[in-house]
Amino acid sequence: MKNSADTAHDLAELEDLLGHTFNDRSWLERALTHRSWAHEQVAPGREEEARRLHNEALEFVGDSVLGLVVADYLFRSYPEVTEGELSRMKHQLVSAPTLARASERLTVGRFVRVGRGEDKSGGRRKRALLADAFEAVLAAIFLDGGLEAAAAFVHNALGDELEQIDPEAAAAADFKTLLQERLQASHLSAPQYAVVETTGPPHRRTFHVELNWDGGSVRAEGRTIKAAETSAARLALDSLDGEEQKAEGAEQ
């Protein structure tokens, strides 16, 4: 285990990366503590003590703070878009893959305290752990410095994603994500997209995409491959909805 001087040096380095100097570093220490480490530090049967050490409760706070900061940013940046478009953009920005990438850029994994077993299995590189750590660190900054400090951290840490997000891109990602999650929930394989034909002159291409999944197949077209895939995903979702409705009618 590192001595206190080493720990203080590590936390100071992380503070520089986060852009926030803590008044109370115990918040940051807890945000960086995985449950696997906490349970190794207490005697068996003392789960309540372990819960006070690890970061899961902070994840809950961070999730709420993140949602507020991102919603405020999107509302101010896109005052003319619909509620549905705002929701899709927000969903993409607060998703686990987005937060994991932000944690990787900040090298948060280097500082997280994990148990021996978790460390041996590559826990510091697991995307779920990194996404959770991002939310916990955000909560620590909020509890230490308030909403203004938390918002500054989010705007900095997710700067690239905030600049690149737009309603069209979010919609494209949304239907494909919804389809994948729908199939995963039914324990089916991931959908497969393939460009089967390209028509039209070079300046007005139309891409024809075939989408296959366990039990179904659809075709769609679009001016870009992304647009064609999005249309195909929407058709696939409609098809799955129709199958469910038929099944429910047969049961009644």
Protein backbone atom coordinates (compact mmCIF):
# COMPACT_ATOMS: atom_id res chain seq x y z
CA MET A 1 0.00 0.00 0.00
CA LYS A 2 1.28 3.49 -0.81
CA ASN A 3 2.32 5.77 2.03
CA SER A 4 0.52 9.05 2.67
CA ALA A 5 3.13 11.13 0.84
CA ASP A 6 2.78 9.01 -2.31
CA THR A 7 -1.00 9.21 -2.09
CA ALA A 8 -0.94 12.99 -1.68
CA HIS A 9 1.33 13.30 -4.71
CA ASP A 10 -1.00 11.13 -6.82
CA LEU A 11 -4.06 13.13 -5.79
CA ALA A 12 -2.31 16.41 -6.59
CA GLU A 13 -1.47 15.07 -10.05
CA LEU A 14 -5.07 14.02 -10.61
CA GLU A 15 -6.35 17.39 -9.42
CA ASP A 16 -4.27 19.02 -12.17
CA LEU A 17 -5.80 16.68 -14.73
CA LEU A 18 -9.32 17.32 -13.45
CA GLY A 19 -8.86 21.07 -13.25
CA HIS A 20 -10.14 21.24 -9.67
CA THR A 21 -8.21 21.62 -6.42
CA PHE A 22 -10.13 20.04 -3.56
CA ASN A 23 -10.77 21.76 -0.27
CA ASP A 24 -11.51 18.32 1.19
CA ARG A 25 -9.57 15.57 -0.56
CA SER A 26 -11.49 12.87 1.25
CA TRP A 27 -14.23 13.34 -1.36
CA LEU A 28 -11.76 12.56 -4.12
CA GLU A 29 -10.31 9.59 -2.23
CA ARG A 30 -13.77 8.08 -1.86
CA ALA A 31 -14.62 8.75 -5.51
CA LEU A 32 -11.55 6.73 -6.51
CA THR A 33 -12.35 3.77 -4.26
CA HIS A 34 -13.94 0.76 -5.92
CA ARG A 35 -16.09 -1.55 -3.81
CA SER A 36 -13.61 -4.41 -4.34
CA TRP A 37 -10.91 -2.42 -2.51
CA ALA A 38 -13.26 -1.27 0.25
CA HIS A 39 -14.38 -4.82 1.07
CA GLU A 40 -10.75 -5.93 1.38
CA GLN A 41 -10.15 -3.29 4.04
CA VAL A 42 -12.86 -4.31 6.50
CA ALA A 43 -13.56 -7.48 8.40
CA PRO A 44 -16.18 -9.93 7.05
CA GLY A 45 -19.70 -8.98 8.01
CA ARG A 46 -19.00 -5.23 8.20
CA GLU A 47 -20.61 -4.28 4.89
CA GLU A 48 -21.93 -0.95 6.21
CA GLU A 49 -18.40 0.20 6.93
CA ALA A 50 -17.31 -0.81 3.43
CA ARG A 51 -20.19 1.15 1.90
CA ARG A 52 -18.93 4.29 3.61
CA LEU A 53 -15.57 3.80 1.92
CA HIS A 54 -16.42 3.05 -1.70
CA ASN A 55 -17.83 5.27 -4.44
CA GLU A 56 -21.19 3.73 -5.38
CA ALA A 57 -23.29 6.33 -3.53
CA LEU A 58 -21.24 9.06 -5.20
CA GLU A 59 -22.06 7.55 -8.59
CA PHE A 60 -25.73 8.17 -7.82
CA VAL A 61 -25.07 11.84 -7.08
CA GLY A 62 -22.78 12.24 -10.08
CA ASP A 63 -25.37 10.79 -12.43
CA SER A 64 -27.91 13.42 -11.34
CA VAL A 65 -25.42 16.30 -11.52
CA LEU A 66 -24.27 15.18 -14.96
CA GLY A 67 -27.83 15.05 -16.24
CA LEU A 68 -28.51 18.58 -14.99
CA VAL A 69 -25.33 20.09 -16.43
CA VAL A 70 -25.77 18.41 -19.81
CA ALA A 71 -29.48 19.31 -19.99
CA ASP A 72 -28.66 22.96 -19.24
CA TYR A 73 -25.94 23.00 -21.90
CA LEU A 74 -28.17 21.46 -24.57
CA PHE A 75 -31.16 23.68 -23.77
CA ARG A 76 -29.02 26.81 -24.12
CA SER A 77 -27.16 25.59 -27.21
CA TYR A 78 -30.21 24.29 -29.12
CA PRO A 79 -33.19 26.45 -28.12
CA GLU A 80 -35.21 25.55 -31.24
CA VAL A 81 -35.08 21.73 -31.15
CA THR A 82 -37.77 19.42 -29.80
CA GLU A 83 -37.81 17.68 -26.43
CA GLY A 84 -37.22 14.36 -28.18
CA GLU A 85 -34.11 15.69 -29.94
CA LEU A 86 -32.79 17.09 -26.67
CA SER A 87 -33.38 13.73 -24.98
CA ARG A 88 -31.53 11.84 -27.70
CA MET A 89 -28.53 14.17 -27.50
CA LYS A 90 -28.49 13.93 -23.73
CA HIS A 91 -28.71 10.14 -23.85
CA GLN A 92 -25.64 10.00 -26.07
CA LEU A 93 -23.62 12.42 -23.92
CA VAL A 94 -24.29 10.70 -20.59
CA SER A 95 -23.94 7.15 -21.91
CA ALA A 96 -21.40 4.79 -20.38
CA PRO A 97 -19.20 4.64 -23.52
CA THR A 98 -18.95 8.45 -23.60
CA LEU A 99 -18.04 8.67 -19.92
CA ALA A 100 -15.53 5.82 -20.21
CA ARG A 101 -13.75 7.61 -23.07
CA ALA A 102 -13.59 10.79 -20.99
CA SER A 103 -12.12 8.85 -18.06
CA GLU A 104 -9.52 7.32 -20.37
CA ARG A 105 -8.47 10.76 -21.61
CA LEU A 106 -8.06 11.91 -18.00
CA THR A 107 -6.23 8.64 -17.13
CA VAL A 108 -8.56 8.20 -14.16
CA GLY A 109 -7.96 4.45 -14.17
CA ARG A 110 -4.39 4.96 -12.93
CA PHE A 111 -5.70 6.45 -9.71
CA VAL A 112 -8.65 4.18 -8.89
CA ARG A 113 -8.18 1.90 -5.88
CA VAL A 114 -9.35 -1.60 -6.75
CA GLY A 115 -9.10 -4.95 -4.97
CA ARG A 116 -6.37 -7.42 -5.84
CA GLY A 117 -8.67 -9.69 -7.83
CA GLU A 118 -10.20 -6.81 -9.74
CA ASP A 119 -6.76 -5.42 -10.51
CA LYS A 120 -5.51 -8.77 -11.85
CA SER A 121 -8.54 -9.04 -14.16
CA GLY A 122 -7.80 -5.63 -15.69
CA GLY A 123 -10.42 -3.73 -13.71
CA ARG A 124 -8.74 -0.36 -14.21
CA ARG A 125 -9.36 -0.66 -17.95
CA LYS A 126 -12.98 -1.86 -17.78
CA ARG A 127 -15.30 0.64 -19.41
CA ALA A 128 -18.06 0.18 -16.83
CA LEU A 129 -15.65 0.88 -13.98
CA LEU A 130 -14.25 3.95 -15.78
CA ALA A 131 -17.72 5.34 -16.48
CA ASP A 132 -18.74 4.84 -12.85
CA ALA A 133 -15.53 6.52 -11.68
CA PHE A 134 -16.27 9.53 -13.88
CA GLU A 135 -19.67 9.99 -12.21
CA ALA A 136 -18.15 9.53 -8.75
CA VAL A 137 -15.40 12.09 -9.42
CA LEU A 138 -18.00 14.53 -10.72
CA ALA A 139 -20.01 14.07 -7.52
CA ALA A 140 -16.86 14.67 -5.45
CA ILE A 141 -16.22 17.94 -7.29
CA PHE A 142 -19.86 18.99 -6.83
CA LEU A 143 -19.85 18.21 -3.10
CA ASP A 144 -16.51 19.95 -2.64
CA GLY A 145 -16.92 23.00 -4.86
CA GLY A 146 -20.57 23.32 -5.81
CA LEU A 147 -22.48 23.25 -9.09
CA GLU A 148 -20.32 25.86 -10.82
CA ALA A 149 -17.18 23.76 -10.28
CA ALA A 150 -19.00 20.61 -11.38
CA ALA A 151 -20.26 22.29 -14.57
CA ALA A 152 -16.76 23.56 -15.38
CA PHE A 153 -15.41 20.02 -15.04
CA VAL A 154 -18.11 18.55 -17.32
CA HIS A 155 -17.59 21.23 -19.98
CA ASN A 156 -13.85 20.54 -19.94
CA ALA A 157 -13.94 16.74 -19.68
CA LEU A 158 -16.65 16.32 -22.33
CA GLY A 159 -15.55 19.27 -24.45
CA ASP A 160 -15.09 17.28 -27.68
CA GLU A 161 -18.39 15.45 -27.30
CA LEU A 162 -20.29 18.65 -26.47
CA GLU A 163 -18.90 20.39 -29.56
CA GLN A 164 -19.63 17.47 -31.89
CA ILE A 165 -23.14 16.63 -30.72
CA ASP A 166 -26.06 17.68 -32.91
CA PRO A 167 -29.67 16.50 -33.34
CA GLU A 168 -28.99 14.59 -36.57
CA ALA A 169 -26.00 12.68 -35.21
CA ALA A 170 -27.85 11.86 -32.00
CA ALA A 171 -30.85 10.57 -33.94
CA ALA A 172 -28.60 8.39 -36.08
CA ALA A 173 -26.95 6.89 -33.03
CA ASP A 174 -30.23 6.58 -31.17
CA PHE A 175 -32.16 4.20 -33.44
CA LYS A 176 -29.14 1.95 -33.88
CA THR A 177 -28.52 1.95 -30.12
CA LEU A 178 -32.17 1.22 -29.37
CA LEU A 179 -32.16 -1.73 -31.77
CA GLN A 180 -28.98 -3.18 -30.32
CA GLU A 181 -30.26 -2.83 -26.76
CA ARG A 182 -33.60 -4.38 -27.77
CA LEU A 183 -31.90 -7.43 -29.29
CA GLN A 184 -29.49 -7.80 -26.37
CA ALA A 185 -32.41 -7.74 -23.93
CA SER A 186 -33.87 -10.70 -25.85
CA HIS A 187 -30.49 -12.48 -25.80
CA LEU A 188 -30.15 -12.17 -29.58
CA SER A 189 -27.03 -11.47 -31.61
CA ALA A 190 -26.06 -7.92 -32.52
CA PRO A 191 -27.57 -6.54 -35.77
CA GLN A 192 -25.43 -6.74 -38.91
CA TYR A 193 -25.41 -3.90 -41.45
CA ALA A 194 -24.11 -4.26 -45.02
CA VAL A 195 -24.09 -1.92 -48.02
CA VAL A 196 -25.58 -4.03 -50.82
CA GLU A 197 -25.85 -1.43 -53.58
CA THR A 198 -24.83 2.13 -54.43
CA THR A 199 -26.78 4.03 -57.08
CA GLY A 200 -26.83 7.48 -58.63
CA PRO A 201 -24.14 9.86 -59.93
CA PRO A 202 -21.10 10.65 -57.74
CA HIS A 203 -22.59 13.91 -56.48
CA ARG A 204 -25.93 12.30 -55.55
CA ARG A 205 -25.19 8.82 -54.30
CA THR A 206 -27.88 6.68 -52.75
CA PHE A 207 -26.70 3.89 -50.46
CA HIS A 208 -28.79 0.74 -50.05
CA VAL A 209 -28.23 -1.10 -46.79
CA GLU A 210 -29.39 -4.52 -45.67
CA LEU A 211 -29.84 -5.12 -41.97
CA ASN A 212 -30.00 -8.66 -40.63
CA TRP A 213 -30.75 -9.87 -37.12
CA ASP A 214 -31.85 -13.16 -35.59
CA GLY A 215 -35.28 -13.70 -37.08
CA GLY A 216 -35.50 -10.81 -39.49
CA SER A 217 -34.09 -8.70 -42.30
CA VAL A 218 -34.90 -5.27 -43.78
CA ARG A 219 -33.52 -2.98 -46.45
CA ALA A 220 -33.33 0.81 -46.47
CA GLU A 221 -31.64 3.59 -48.40
CA GLY A 222 -30.17 6.98 -47.69
CA ARG A 223 -27.90 9.71 -49.03
CA THR A 224 -25.19 8.54 -46.64
CA ILE A 225 -24.39 5.12 -45.23
CA LYS A 226 -25.22 6.41 -41.75
CA ALA A 227 -28.61 7.67 -42.89
CA ALA A 228 -29.36 4.36 -44.60
CA GLU A 229 -28.37 2.38 -41.49
CA THR A 230 -30.52 4.64 -39.34
CA SER A 231 -33.53 4.07 -41.58
CA ALA A 232 -32.91 0.33 -41.51
CA ALA A 233 -32.71 0.32 -37.72
CA ARG A 234 -35.99 2.22 -37.51
CA LEU A 235 -37.66 -0.29 -39.85
CA ALA A 236 -36.29 -3.16 -37.78
CA LEU A 237 -37.70 -1.64 -34.59
CA ASP A 238 -41.08 -1.23 -36.31
CA SER A 239 -40.92 -4.87 -37.38
CA LEU A 240 -40.13 -6.04 -33.87
CA ASP A 241 -42.97 -3.92 -32.48
CA GLY A 242 -45.35 -5.53 -34.99
CA GLU A 243 -44.23 -9.03 -34.01
CA GLU A 244 -44.78 -8.25 -30.33
CA GLN A 245 -48.26 -6.90 -31.00
CA LYS A 246 -49.17 -10.03 -32.95
CA ALA A 247 -47.87 -12.21 -30.12
CA GLU A 248 -49.87 -10.26 -27.56
CA GLY A 249 -53.01 -10.55 -29.72
CA ALA A 250 -52.57 -14.30 -30.04
CA GLU A 251 -52.31 -14.66 -26.27
CA GLN A 252 -55.54 -12.76 -25.61
